[in-house]
Amino acid sequence: MRSPRERTLWAGLAALAIGGAVAAWWYADRWLPHAGPWAQQTWRSMTRPGPETLSRDKGGPGAAAARTGAAASAPAAQPRKCVQGDRITYTDQPCPPGSQDQAVQSGAITSLPAQR
């Protein structure tokens, strides 16, 4: 059981949160055009982190190349979508014989596994 003072505090915080939500909804036409692009970019960077978020000192694919600057001078290989029957393979190499090379949509692939 909570004390009367604690119940009053929690009720006040709940009323403040509800009041803030109502005020944000009521005035959304004023602040949403300014915050919308920022929120979209933040959401995109949280859900699809790019190579700029990788640490250069961590050991990962291309970490040594990033330190030497070799990755900046060599162009990145374009990904390919190879379709063979009902099997689809994404690669940065030429498609194997007997498969069709199809265009890859922008943003469809975020990373390619290392060659083994």
PDB file of N, CA and C in Angstrom:
ATOM      1  N   MET A   1       0.851  -1.178   0.000  1.00  0.00           N
ATOM      2  CA  MET A   1       0.000   0.000   0.000  1.00  0.00           C
ATOM      3  C   MET A   1       0.893   1.236   0.000  1.00  0.00           C
ATOM      4  N   ARG A   2       0.547   2.169  -0.800  1.00  0.00           N
ATOM      5  CA  ARG A   2       1.338   3.392  -0.909  1.00  0.00           C
ATOM      6  C   ARG A   2       0.792   4.446   0.059  1.00  0.00           C
ATOM      7  N   SER A   3       1.711   5.296   0.486  1.00  0.00           N
ATOM      8  CA  SER A   3       1.298   6.360   1.394  1.00  0.00           C
ATOM      9  C   SER A   3       0.514   7.412   0.614  1.00  0.00           C
ATOM     10  N   PRO A   4      -0.278   8.223   1.287  1.00  0.00           N
ATOM     11  CA  PRO A   4      -1.049   9.266   0.579  1.00  0.00           C
ATOM     12  C   PRO A   4      -0.143  10.244  -0.173  1.00  0.00           C
ATOM     13  N   ARG A   5       1.000  10.546   0.381  1.00  0.00           N
ATOM     14  CA  ARG A   5       1.915  11.468  -0.290  1.00  0.00           C
ATOM     15  C   ARG A   5       2.448  10.841  -1.588  1.00  0.00           C
ATOM     16  N   GLU A   6       2.799   9.535  -1.545  1.00  0.00           N
ATOM     17  CA  GLU A   6       3.308   8.853  -2.726  1.00  0.00           C
ATOM     18  C   GLU A   6       2.214   8.727  -3.791  1.00  0.00           C
ATOM     19  N   ARG A   7       0.989   8.420  -3.383  1.00  0.00           N
ATOM     20  CA  ARG A   7      -0.119   8.349  -4.342  1.00  0.00           C
ATOM     21  C   ARG A   7      -0.363   9.699  -4.998  1.00  0.00           C
ATOM     22  N   THR A   8      -0.274  10.775  -4.243  1.00  0.00           N
ATOM     23  CA  THR A   8      -0.455  12.117  -4.783  1.00  0.00           C
ATOM     24  C   THR A   8       0.651  12.441  -5.786  1.00  0.00           C
ATOM     25  N   LEU A   9       1.870  12.046  -5.455  1.00  0.00           N
ATOM     26  CA  LEU A   9       2.992  12.293  -6.359  1.00  0.00           C
ATOM     27  C   LEU A   9       2.794  11.545  -7.679  1.00  0.00           C
ATOM     28  N   TRP A  10       2.455  10.251  -7.615  1.00  0.00           N
ATOM     29  CA  TRP A  10       2.260   9.466  -8.834  1.00  0.00           C
ATOM     30  C   TRP A  10       1.061   9.960  -9.635  1.00  0.00           C
ATOM     31  N   ALA A  11      -0.001  10.378  -8.964  1.00  0.00           N
ATOM     32  CA  ALA A  11      -1.167  10.919  -9.672  1.00  0.00           C
ATOM     33  C   ALA A  11      -0.800  12.233 -10.365  1.00  0.00           C
ATOM     34  N   GLY A  12      -0.010  13.059  -9.712  1.00  0.00           N
ATOM     35  CA  GLY A  12       0.433  14.310 -10.328  1.00  0.00           C
ATOM     36  C   GLY A  12       1.327  14.067 -11.537  1.00  0.00           C
ATOM     37  N   LEU A  13       2.243  13.095 -11.439  1.00  0.00           N
ATOM     38  CA  LEU A  13       3.098  12.763 -12.576  1.00  0.00           C
ATOM     39  C   LEU A  13       2.274  12.206 -13.739  1.00  0.00           C
ATOM     40  N   ALA A  14       1.277  11.379 -13.435  1.00  0.00           N
ATOM     41  CA  ALA A  14       0.417  10.841 -14.491  1.00  0.00           C
ATOM     42  C   ALA A  14      -0.385  11.960 -15.148  1.00  0.00           C
ATOM     43  N   ALA A  15      -0.912  12.882 -14.347  1.00  0.00           N
ATOM     44  CA  ALA A  15      -1.674  14.004 -14.903  1.00  0.00           C
ATOM     45  C   ALA A  15      -0.771  14.890 -15.748  1.00  0.00           C
ATOM     46  N   LEU A  16       0.467  15.101 -15.317  1.00  0.00           N
ATOM     47  CA  LEU A  16       1.416  15.897 -16.083  1.00  0.00           C
ATOM     48  C   LEU A  16       1.751  15.224 -17.414  1.00  0.00           C
ATOM     49  N   ALA A  17       1.955  13.903 -17.407  1.00  0.00           N
ATOM     50  CA  ALA A  17       2.241  13.179 -18.645  1.00  0.00           C
ATOM     51  C   ALA A  17       1.052  13.215 -19.604  1.00  0.00           C
ATOM     52  N   ILE A  18      -0.146  13.026 -19.077  1.00  0.00           N
ATOM     53  CA  ILE A  18      -1.344  13.082 -19.926  1.00  0.00           C
ATOM     54  C   ILE A  18      -1.535  14.489 -20.474  1.00  0.00           C
ATOM     55  N   GLY A  19      -1.322  15.499 -19.646  1.00  0.00           N
ATOM     56  CA  GLY A  19      -1.439  16.887 -20.109  1.00  0.00           C
ATOM     57  C   GLY A  19      -0.411  17.215 -21.184  1.00  0.00           C
ATOM     58  N   GLY A  20       0.809  16.716 -21.014  1.00  0.00           N
ATOM     59  CA  GLY A  20       1.834  16.935 -22.033  1.00  0.00           C
ATOM     60  C   GLY A  20       1.490  16.249 -23.338  1.00  0.00           C
ATOM     61  N   ALA A  21       0.956  15.028 -23.274  1.00  0.00           N
ATOM     62  CA  ALA A  21       0.557  14.321 -24.485  1.00  0.00           C
ATOM     63  C   ALA A  21      -0.583  15.037 -25.198  1.00  0.00           C
ATOM     64  N   VAL A  22      -1.539  15.532 -24.440  1.00  0.00           N
ATOM     65  CA  VAL A  22      -2.662  16.266 -25.045  1.00  0.00           C
ATOM     66  C   VAL A  22      -2.161  17.569 -25.675  1.00  0.00           C
ATOM     67  N   ALA A  23      -1.275  18.283 -24.993  1.00  0.00           N
ATOM     68  CA  ALA A  23      -0.738  19.528 -25.546  1.00  0.00           C
ATOM     69  C   ALA A  23       0.079  19.258 -26.810  1.00  0.00           C
ATOM     70  N   ALA A  24       0.870  18.176 -26.822  1.00  0.00           N
ATOM     71  CA  ALA A  24       1.655  17.832 -28.011  1.00  0.00           C
ATOM     72  C   ALA A  24       0.731  17.503 -29.171  1.00  0.00           C
ATOM     73  N   TRP A  25      -0.343  16.773 -28.907  1.00  0.00           N
ATOM     74  CA  TRP A  25      -1.303  16.451 -29.970  1.00  0.00           C
ATOM     75  C   TRP A  25      -2.017  17.711 -30.462  1.00  0.00           C
ATOM     76  N   TRP A  26      -2.401  18.591 -29.531  1.00  0.00           N
ATOM     77  CA  TRP A  26      -3.156  19.790 -29.887  1.00  0.00           C
ATOM     78  C   TRP A  26      -2.325  20.733 -30.757  1.00  0.00           C
ATOM     79  N   TYR A  27      -1.046  20.862 -30.452  1.00  0.00           N
ATOM     80  CA  TYR A  27      -0.168  21.774 -31.176  1.00  0.00           C
ATOM     81  C   TYR A  27       0.749  21.053 -32.176  1.00  0.00           C
ATOM     82  N   ALA A  28       0.385  19.859 -32.594  1.00  0.00           N
ATOM     83  CA  ALA A  28       1.228  19.072 -33.502  1.00  0.00           C
ATOM     84  C   ALA A  28       1.460  19.774 -34.831  1.00  0.00           C
ATOM     85  N   ASP A  29       0.485  20.542 -35.311  1.00  0.00           N
ATOM     86  CA  ASP A  29       0.657  21.228 -36.595  1.00  0.00           C
ATOM     87  C   ASP A  29       1.742  22.300 -36.529  1.00  0.00           C
ATOM     88  N   ARG A  30       2.123  22.733 -35.348  1.00  0.00           N
ATOM     89  CA  ARG A  30       3.179  23.740 -35.207  1.00  0.00           C
ATOM     90  C   ARG A  30       4.570  23.118 -35.114  1.00  0.00           C
ATOM     91  N   TRP A  31       4.718  22.038 -34.367  1.00  0.00           N
ATOM     92  CA  TRP A  31       6.050  21.478 -34.140  1.00  0.00           C
ATOM     93  C   TRP A  31       6.374  20.284 -35.027  1.00  0.00           C
ATOM     94  N   LEU A  32       5.371  19.587 -35.546  1.00  0.00           N
ATOM     95  CA  LEU A  32       5.645  18.386 -36.325  1.00  0.00           C
ATOM     96  C   LEU A  32       6.393  18.655 -37.634  1.00  0.00           C
ATOM     97  N   PRO A  33       6.111  19.744 -38.382  1.00  0.00           N
ATOM     98  CA  PRO A  33       6.901  19.984 -39.593  1.00  0.00           C
ATOM     99  C   PRO A  33       8.393  20.192 -39.313  1.00  0.00           C
ATOM    100  N   HIS A  34       8.723  20.688 -38.138  1.00  0.00           N
ATOM    101  CA  HIS A  34      10.127  20.912 -37.791  1.00  0.00           C
ATOM    102  C   HIS A  34      10.782  19.645 -37.250  1.00  0.00           C
ATOM    103  N   ALA A  35      10.034  18.867 -36.479  1.00  0.00           N
ATOM    104  CA  ALA A  35      10.598  17.669 -35.856  1.00  0.00           C
ATOM    105  C   ALA A  35      10.460  16.433 -36.731  1.00  0.00           C
ATOM    106  N   GLY A  36       9.566  16.441 -37.711  1.00  0.00           N
ATOM    107  CA  GLY A  36       9.330  15.269 -38.550  1.00  0.00           C
ATOM    108  C   GLY A  36      10.560  14.788 -39.298  1.00  0.00           C
ATOM    109  N   PRO A  37      11.258  15.646 -40.058  1.00  0.00           N
ATOM    110  CA  PRO A  37      12.455  15.190 -40.762  1.00  0.00           C
ATOM    111  C   PRO A  37      13.553  14.704 -39.809  1.00  0.00           C
ATOM    112  N   TRP A  38      13.716  15.376 -38.695  1.00  0.00           N
ATOM    113  CA  TRP A  38      14.709  14.952 -37.710  1.00  0.00           C
ATOM    114  C   TRP A  38      14.349  13.582 -37.156  1.00  0.00           C
ATOM    115  N   ALA A  39      13.066  13.368 -36.839  1.00  0.00           N
ATOM    116  CA  ALA A  39      12.630  12.081 -36.290  1.00  0.00           C
ATOM    117  C   ALA A  39      12.807  10.966 -37.325  1.00  0.00           C
ATOM    118  N   GLN A  40      12.508  11.244 -38.595  1.00  0.00           N
ATOM    119  CA  GLN A  40      12.682  10.233 -39.640  1.00  0.00           C
ATOM    120  C   GLN A  40      14.161   9.866 -39.801  1.00  0.00           C
ATOM    121  N   GLN A  41      15.035  10.853 -39.805  1.00  0.00           N
ATOM    122  CA  GLN A  41      16.465  10.582 -39.952  1.00  0.00           C
ATOM    123  C   GLN A  41      17.001   9.825 -38.740  1.00  0.00           C
ATOM    124  N   THR A  42      16.542  10.176 -37.548  1.00  0.00           N
ATOM    125  CA  THR A  42      16.968   9.471 -36.347  1.00  0.00           C
ATOM    126  C   THR A  42      16.494   8.028 -36.370  1.00  0.00           C
ATOM    127  N   TRP A  43      15.241   7.813 -36.761  1.00  0.00           N
ATOM    128  CA  TRP A  43      14.705   6.454 -36.843  1.00  0.00           C
ATOM    129  C   TRP A  43      15.479   5.636 -37.882  1.00  0.00           C
ATOM    130  N   ARG A  44      15.775   6.244 -39.031  1.00  0.00           N
ATOM    131  CA  ARG A  44      16.518   5.558 -40.083  1.00  0.00           C
ATOM    132  C   ARG A  44      17.921   5.195 -39.603  1.00  0.00           C
ATOM    133  N   SER A  45      18.597   6.091 -38.892  1.00  0.00           N
ATOM    134  CA  SER A  45      19.951   5.790 -38.433  1.00  0.00           C
ATOM    135  C   SER A  45      19.947   4.758 -37.309  1.00  0.00           C
ATOM    136  N   MET A  46      18.863   4.674 -36.537  1.00  0.00           N
ATOM    137  CA  MET A  46      18.800   3.665 -35.481  1.00  0.00           C
ATOM    138  C   MET A  46      18.483   2.290 -36.053  1.00  0.00           C
ATOM    139  N   THR A  47      17.647   2.234 -37.076  1.00  0.00           N
ATOM    140  CA  THR A  47      17.236   0.940 -37.606  1.00  0.00           C
ATOM    141  C   THR A  47      18.138   0.457 -38.735  1.00  0.00           C
ATOM    142  N   ARG A  48      18.833   1.353 -39.428  1.00  0.00           N
ATOM    143  CA  ARG A  48      19.728   0.980 -40.523  1.00  0.00           C
ATOM    144  C   ARG A  48      21.051   1.713 -40.381  1.00  0.00           C
ATOM    145  N   PRO A  49      21.876   1.328 -39.408  1.00  0.00           N
ATOM    146  CA  PRO A  49      23.137   2.037 -39.246  1.00  0.00           C
ATOM    147  C   PRO A  49      24.053   1.811 -40.442  1.00  0.00           C
ATOM    148  N   GLY A  50      24.688   2.850 -40.881  1.00  0.00           N
ATOM    149  CA  GLY A  50      25.564   2.772 -42.039  1.00  0.00           C
ATOM    150  C   GLY A  50      27.011   2.586 -41.635  1.00  0.00           C
ATOM    151  N   PRO A  51      27.907   2.610 -42.612  1.00  0.00           N
ATOM    152  CA  PRO A  51      29.325   2.397 -42.312  1.00  0.00           C
ATOM    153  C   PRO A  51      29.927   3.504 -41.465  1.00  0.00           C
ATOM    154  N   GLU A  52      29.311   4.688 -41.446  1.00  0.00           N
ATOM    155  CA  GLU A  52      29.865   5.774 -40.642  1.00  0.00           C
ATOM    156  C   GLU A  52      29.700   5.513 -39.146  1.00  0.00           C
ATOM    157  N   THR A  53      28.852   4.551 -38.759  1.00  0.00           N
ATOM    158  CA  THR A  53      28.672   4.250 -37.348  1.00  0.00           C
ATOM    159  C   THR A  53      29.659   3.219 -36.838  1.00  0.00           C
ATOM    160  N   LEU A  54      30.411   2.584 -37.737  1.00  0.00           N
ATOM    161  CA  LEU A  54      31.383   1.587 -37.323  1.00  0.00           C
ATOM    162  C   LEU A  54      32.628   2.261 -36.757  1.00  0.00           C
ATOM    163  N   SER A  55      33.161   1.690 -35.727  1.00  0.00           N
ATOM    164  CA  SER A  55      34.367   2.219 -35.105  1.00  0.00           C
ATOM    165  C   SER A  55      35.584   1.819 -35.933  1.00  0.00           C
ATOM    166  N   ARG A  56      36.493   2.745 -36.142  1.00  0.00           N
ATOM    167  CA  ARG A  56      37.686   2.447 -36.940  1.00  0.00           C
ATOM    168  C   ARG A  56      38.682   1.594 -36.169  1.00  0.00           C
ATOM    169  N   ASP A  57      38.677   1.669 -34.835  1.00  0.00           N
ATOM    170  CA  ASP A  57      39.646   0.897 -34.076  1.00  0.00           C
ATOM    171  C   ASP A  57      39.191  -0.526 -33.790  1.00  0.00           C
ATOM    172  N   LYS A  58      37.921  -0.824 -34.002  1.00  0.00           N
ATOM    173  CA  LYS A  58      37.422  -2.185 -33.808  1.00  0.00           C
ATOM    174  C   LYS A  58      37.805  -3.043 -34.997  1.00  0.00           C
ATOM    175  N   GLY A  59      38.072  -4.293 -34.743  1.00  0.00           N
ATOM    176  CA  GLY A  59      38.397  -5.204 -35.829  1.00  0.00           C
ATOM    177  C   GLY A  59      37.127  -5.680 -36.503  1.00  0.00           C
ATOM    178  N   GLY A  60      36.921  -5.307 -37.707  1.00  0.00           N
ATOM    179  CA  GLY A  60      35.756  -5.732 -38.455  1.00  0.00           C
ATOM    180  C   GLY A  60      36.106  -5.750 -39.918  1.00  0.00           C
ATOM    181  N   PRO A  61      35.161  -6.132 -40.768  1.00  0.00           N
ATOM    182  CA  PRO A  61      35.465  -6.156 -42.193  1.00  0.00           C
ATOM    183  C   PRO A  61      35.850  -4.764 -42.672  1.00  0.00           C
ATOM    184  N   GLY A  62      37.008  -4.639 -43.232  1.00  0.00           N
ATOM    185  CA  GLY A  62      37.460  -3.370 -43.788  1.00  0.00           C
ATOM    186  C   GLY A  62      38.055  -2.417 -42.781  1.00  0.00           C
ATOM    187  N   ALA A  63      38.269  -2.837 -41.545  1.00  0.00           N
ATOM    188  CA  ALA A  63      38.822  -1.932 -40.546  1.00  0.00           C
ATOM    189  C   ALA A  63      40.241  -1.520 -40.910  1.00  0.00           C
ATOM    190  N   ALA A  64      41.045  -2.476 -41.370  1.00  0.00           N
ATOM    191  CA  ALA A  64      42.420  -2.148 -41.755  1.00  0.00           C
ATOM    192  C   ALA A  64      42.426  -1.250 -42.980  1.00  0.00           C
ATOM    193  N   ALA A  65      41.538  -1.516 -43.930  1.00  0.00           N
ATOM    194  CA  ALA A  65      41.466  -0.687 -45.127  1.00  0.00           C
ATOM    195  C   ALA A  65      40.988   0.718 -44.785  1.00  0.00           C
ATOM    196  N   ALA A  66      40.104   0.829 -43.821  1.00  0.00           N
ATOM    197  CA  ALA A  66      39.619   2.148 -43.425  1.00  0.00           C
ATOM    198  C   ALA A  66      40.738   2.949 -42.766  1.00  0.00           C
ATOM    199  N   ARG A  67      41.595   2.261 -42.009  1.00  0.00           N
ATOM    200  CA  ARG A  67      42.705   2.971 -41.360  1.00  0.00           C
ATOM    201  C   ARG A  67      43.723   3.454 -42.387  1.00  0.00           C
ATOM    202  N   THR A  68      43.983   2.669 -43.427  1.00  0.00           N
ATOM    203  CA  THR A  68      44.990   3.060 -44.400  1.00  0.00           C
ATOM    204  C   THR A  68      44.425   3.968 -45.476  1.00  0.00           C
ATOM    205  N   GLY A  69      43.108   4.024 -45.595  1.00  0.00           N
ATOM    206  CA  GLY A  69      42.495   4.866 -46.612  1.00  0.00           C
ATOM    207  C   GLY A  69      42.340   4.162 -47.943  1.00  0.00           C
ATOM    208  N   ALA A  70      42.638   2.864 -48.012  1.00  0.00           N
ATOM    209  CA  ALA A  70      42.529   2.131 -49.268  1.00  0.00           C
ATOM    210  C   ALA A  70      41.080   1.987 -49.685  1.00  0.00           C
ATOM    211  N   ALA A  71      40.179   1.923 -48.735  1.00  0.00           N
ATOM    212  CA  ALA A  71      38.765   1.757 -49.075  1.00  0.00           C
ATOM    213  C   ALA A  71      38.214   3.008 -49.755  1.00  0.00           C
ATOM    214  N   ALA A  72      38.762   4.150 -49.423  1.00  0.00           N
ATOM    215  CA  ALA A  72      38.271   5.383 -50.028  1.00  0.00           C
ATOM    216  C   ALA A  72      38.720   5.506 -51.479  1.00  0.00           C
ATOM    217  N   SER A  73      39.875   4.918 -51.814  1.00  0.00           N
ATOM    218  CA  SER A  73      40.378   5.059 -53.172  1.00  0.00           C
ATOM    219  C   SER A  73      39.791   4.022 -54.127  1.00  0.00           C
ATOM    220  N   ALA A  74      39.437   2.846 -53.617  1.00  0.00           N
ATOM    221  CA  ALA A  74      38.874   1.796 -54.482  1.00  0.00           C
ATOM    222  C   ALA A  74      37.352   1.885 -54.477  1.00  0.00           C
ATOM    223  N   PRO A  75      36.727   1.851 -55.658  1.00  0.00           N
ATOM    224  CA  PRO A  75      35.264   1.910 -55.674  1.00  0.00           C
ATOM    225  C   PRO A  75      34.670   0.610 -55.129  1.00  0.00           C
ATOM    226  N   ALA A  76      33.541   0.733 -54.454  1.00  0.00           N
ATOM    227  CA  ALA A  76      32.878  -0.443 -53.889  1.00  0.00           C
ATOM    228  C   ALA A  76      32.222  -1.245 -55.000  1.00  0.00           C
ATOM    229  N   ALA A  77      32.278  -2.557 -54.874  1.00  0.00           N
ATOM    230  CA  ALA A  77      31.650  -3.428 -55.868  1.00  0.00           C
ATOM    231  C   ALA A  77      30.138  -3.315 -55.743  1.00  0.00           C
ATOM    232  N   GLN A  78      29.453  -3.255 -56.868  1.00  0.00           N
ATOM    233  CA  GLN A  78      28.001  -3.146 -56.866  1.00  0.00           C
ATOM    234  C   GLN A  78      27.390  -4.511 -56.585  1.00  0.00           C
ATOM    235  N   PRO A  79      26.393  -4.585 -55.718  1.00  0.00           N
ATOM    236  CA  PRO A  79      25.757  -5.871 -55.449  1.00  0.00           C
ATOM    237  C   PRO A  79      24.937  -6.334 -56.648  1.00  0.00           C
ATOM    238  N   ARG A  80      24.846  -7.652 -56.802  1.00  0.00           N
ATOM    239  CA  ARG A  80      24.083  -8.251 -57.893  1.00  0.00           C
ATOM    240  C   ARG A  80      23.071  -9.210 -57.295  1.00  0.00           C
ATOM    241  N   LYS A  81      21.923  -9.309 -57.959  1.00  0.00           N
ATOM    242  CA  LYS A  81      20.882 -10.248 -57.571  1.00  0.00           C
ATOM    243  C   LYS A  81      20.852 -11.329 -58.639  1.00  0.00           C
ATOM    244  N   CYS A  82      21.238 -12.539 -58.277  1.00  0.00           N
ATOM    245  CA  CYS A  82      21.291 -13.656 -59.212  1.00  0.00           C
ATOM    246  C   CYS A  82      20.104 -14.575 -58.939  1.00  0.00           C
ATOM    247  N   VAL A  83      19.259 -14.785 -59.962  1.00  0.00           N
ATOM    248  CA  VAL A  83      18.072 -15.620 -59.832  1.00  0.00           C
ATOM    249  C   VAL A  83      18.278 -16.877 -60.662  1.00  0.00           C
ATOM    250  N   GLN A  84      18.155 -18.030 -60.015  1.00  0.00           N
ATOM    251  CA  GLN A  84      18.291 -19.309 -60.686  1.00  0.00           C
ATOM    252  C   GLN A  84      17.144 -20.198 -60.192  1.00  0.00           C
ATOM    253  N   GLY A  85      16.088 -20.318 -61.023  1.00  0.00           N
ATOM    254  CA  GLY A  85      14.899 -21.063 -60.623  1.00  0.00           C
ATOM    255  C   GLY A  85      14.182 -20.322 -59.503  1.00  0.00           C
ATOM    256  N   ASP A  86      13.984 -20.977 -58.360  1.00  0.00           N
ATOM    257  CA  ASP A  86      13.353 -20.320 -57.207  1.00  0.00           C
ATOM    258  C   ASP A  86      14.386 -19.882 -56.174  1.00  0.00           C
ATOM    259  N   ARG A  87      15.658 -19.914 -56.520  1.00  0.00           N
ATOM    260  CA  ARG A  87      16.747 -19.544 -55.624  1.00  0.00           C
ATOM    261  C   ARG A  87      17.276 -18.160 -55.991  1.00  0.00           C
ATOM    262  N   ILE A  88      17.407 -17.283 -54.990  1.00  0.00           N
ATOM    263  CA  ILE A  88      17.927 -15.928 -55.190  1.00  0.00           C
ATOM    264  C   ILE A  88      19.200 -15.790 -54.365  1.00  0.00           C
ATOM    265  N   THR A  89      20.261 -15.292 -54.997  1.00  0.00           N
ATOM    266  CA  THR A  89      21.537 -15.083 -54.329  1.00  0.00           C
ATOM    267  C   THR A  89      21.987 -13.655 -54.574  1.00  0.00           C
ATOM    268  N   TYR A  90      22.440 -12.982 -53.520  1.00  0.00           N
ATOM    269  CA  TYR A  90      22.994 -11.635 -53.636  1.00  0.00           C
ATOM    270  C   TYR A  90      24.513 -11.745 -53.515  1.00  0.00           C
ATOM    271  N   THR A  91      25.230 -11.126 -54.429  1.00  0.00           N
ATOM    272  CA  THR A  91      26.687 -11.204 -54.420  1.00  0.00           C
ATOM    273  C   THR A  91      27.278  -9.945 -55.037  1.00  0.00           C
ATOM    274  N   ASP A  92      28.574  -9.756 -54.831  1.00  0.00           N
ATOM    275  CA  ASP A  92      29.276  -8.665 -55.491  1.00  0.00           C
ATOM    276  C   ASP A  92      30.168  -9.205 -56.606  1.00  0.00           C
ATOM    277  N   GLN A  93      30.031 -10.493 -56.915  1.00  0.00           N
ATOM    278  CA  GLN A  93      30.768 -11.146 -57.988  1.00  0.00           C
ATOM    279  C   GLN A  93      29.828 -11.361 -59.178  1.00  0.00           C
ATOM    280  N   PRO A  94      30.354 -11.706 -60.345  1.00  0.00           N
ATOM    281  CA  PRO A  94      29.469 -12.027 -61.468  1.00  0.00           C
ATOM    282  C   PRO A  94      28.581 -13.221 -61.131  1.00  0.00           C
ATOM    283  N   CYS A  95      27.363 -13.216 -61.677  1.00  0.00           N
ATOM    284  CA  CYS A  95      26.425 -14.304 -61.413  1.00  0.00           C
ATOM    285  C   CYS A  95      26.941 -15.605 -62.027  1.00  0.00           C
ATOM    286  N   PRO A  96      26.674 -16.738 -61.371  1.00  0.00           N
ATOM    287  CA  PRO A  96      27.130 -18.023 -61.915  1.00  0.00           C
ATOM    288  C   PRO A  96      26.386 -18.363 -63.208  1.00  0.00           C
ATOM    289  N   PRO A  97      26.956 -19.244 -64.026  1.00  0.00           N
ATOM    290  CA  PRO A  97      26.303 -19.618 -65.274  1.00  0.00           C
ATOM    291  C   PRO A  97      24.933 -20.247 -65.003  1.00  0.00           C
ATOM    292  N   GLY A  98      23.967 -19.933 -65.865  1.00  0.00           N
ATOM    293  CA  GLY A  98      22.620 -20.469 -65.735  1.00  0.00           C
ATOM    294  C   GLY A  98      21.710 -19.635 -64.863  1.00  0.00           C
ATOM    295  N   SER A  99      22.188 -18.505 -64.360  1.00  0.00           N
ATOM    296  CA  SER A  99      21.331 -17.645 -63.536  1.00  0.00           C
ATOM    297  C   SER A  99      21.175 -16.297 -64.214  1.00  0.00           C
ATOM    298  N   GLN A 100      20.100 -15.608 -63.854  1.00  0.00           N
ATOM    299  CA  GLN A 100      19.806 -14.299 -64.437  1.00  0.00           C
ATOM    300  C   GLN A 100      20.285 -13.205 -63.491  1.00  0.00           C
ATOM    301  N   ASP A 101      20.916 -12.208 -64.062  1.00  0.00           N
ATOM    302  CA  ASP A 101      21.381 -11.052 -63.304  1.00  0.00           C
ATOM    303  C   ASP A 101      20.266 -10.017 -63.310  1.00  0.00           C
ATOM    304  N   GLN A 102      19.750  -9.651 -62.122  1.00  0.00           N
ATOM    305  CA  GLN A 102      18.685  -8.655 -62.015  1.00  0.00           C
ATOM    306  C   GLN A 102      19.175  -7.463 -61.219  1.00  0.00           C
ATOM    307  N   ALA A 103      18.523  -6.327 -61.449  1.00  0.00           N
ATOM    308  CA  ALA A 103      18.902  -5.101 -60.756  1.00  0.00           C
ATOM    309  C   ALA A 103      18.519  -5.191 -59.282  1.00  0.00           C
ATOM    310  N   VAL A 104      19.370  -4.641 -58.432  1.00  0.00           N
ATOM    311  CA  VAL A 104      19.107  -4.587 -57.003  1.00  0.00           C
ATOM    312  C   VAL A 104      18.539  -3.216 -56.697  1.00  0.00           C
ATOM    313  N   GLN A 105      17.413  -3.183 -55.975  1.00  0.00           N
ATOM    314  CA  GLN A 105      16.793  -1.912 -55.615  1.00  0.00           C
ATOM    315  C   GLN A 105      17.660  -1.193 -54.592  1.00  0.00           C
ATOM    316  N   SER A 106      17.661   0.106 -54.661  1.00  0.00           N
ATOM    317  CA  SER A 106      18.456   0.907 -53.741  1.00  0.00           C
ATOM    318  C   SER A 106      17.983   0.667 -52.304  1.00  0.00           C
ATOM    319  N   GLY A 107      18.900   0.351 -51.414  1.00  0.00           N
ATOM    320  CA  GLY A 107      18.578   0.124 -50.019  1.00  0.00           C
ATOM    321  C   GLY A 107      18.106  -1.278 -49.714  1.00  0.00           C
ATOM    322  N   ALA A 108      18.085  -2.173 -50.723  1.00  0.00           N
ATOM    323  CA  ALA A 108      17.601  -3.525 -50.489  1.00  0.00           C
ATOM    324  C   ALA A 108      18.613  -4.351 -49.707  1.00  0.00           C
ATOM    325  N   ILE A 109      19.904  -4.063 -49.847  1.00  0.00           N
ATOM    326  CA  ILE A 109      20.953  -4.824 -49.156  1.00  0.00           C
ATOM    327  C   ILE A 109      21.748  -3.850 -48.310  1.00  0.00           C
ATOM    328  N   THR A 110      21.969  -4.199 -47.062  1.00  0.00           N
ATOM    329  CA  THR A 110      22.753  -3.324 -46.191  1.00  0.00           C
ATOM    330  C   THR A 110      24.175  -3.818 -46.013  1.00  0.00           C
ATOM    331  N   SER A 111      24.425  -5.120 -46.180  1.00  0.00           N
ATOM    332  CA  SER A 111      25.789  -5.629 -46.059  1.00  0.00           C
ATOM    333  C   SER A 111      25.899  -6.939 -46.815  1.00  0.00           C
ATOM    334  N   LEU A 112      27.113  -7.260 -47.186  1.00  0.00           N
ATOM    335  CA  LEU A 112      27.406  -8.521 -47.878  1.00  0.00           C
ATOM    336  C   LEU A 112      28.319  -9.337 -46.987  1.00  0.00           C
ATOM    337  N   PRO A 113      28.095 -10.665 -46.892  1.00  0.00           N
ATOM    338  CA  PRO A 113      28.983 -11.487 -46.067  1.00  0.00           C
ATOM    339  C   PRO A 113      30.365 -11.586 -46.693  1.00  0.00           C
ATOM    340  N   ALA A 114      31.350 -11.850 -45.861  1.00  0.00           N
ATOM    341  CA  ALA A 114      32.732 -11.967 -46.345  1.00  0.00           C
ATOM    342  C   ALA A 114      32.882 -13.246 -47.170  1.00  0.00           C
ATOM    343  N   GLN A 115      33.751 -13.181 -48.195  1.00  0.00           N
ATOM    344  CA  GLN A 115      34.028 -14.349 -49.023  1.00  0.00           C
ATOM    345  C   GLN A 115      34.845 -15.352 -48.208  1.00  0.00           C
ATOM    346  N   ARG A 116      34.566 -16.638 -48.398  1.00  0.00           N
ATOM    347  CA  ARG A 116      35.329 -17.663 -47.656  1.00  0.00           C
ATOM    348  C   ARG A 116      36.051 -18.549 -48.606  1.00  0.00           C
TER     349      ARG A 116
END
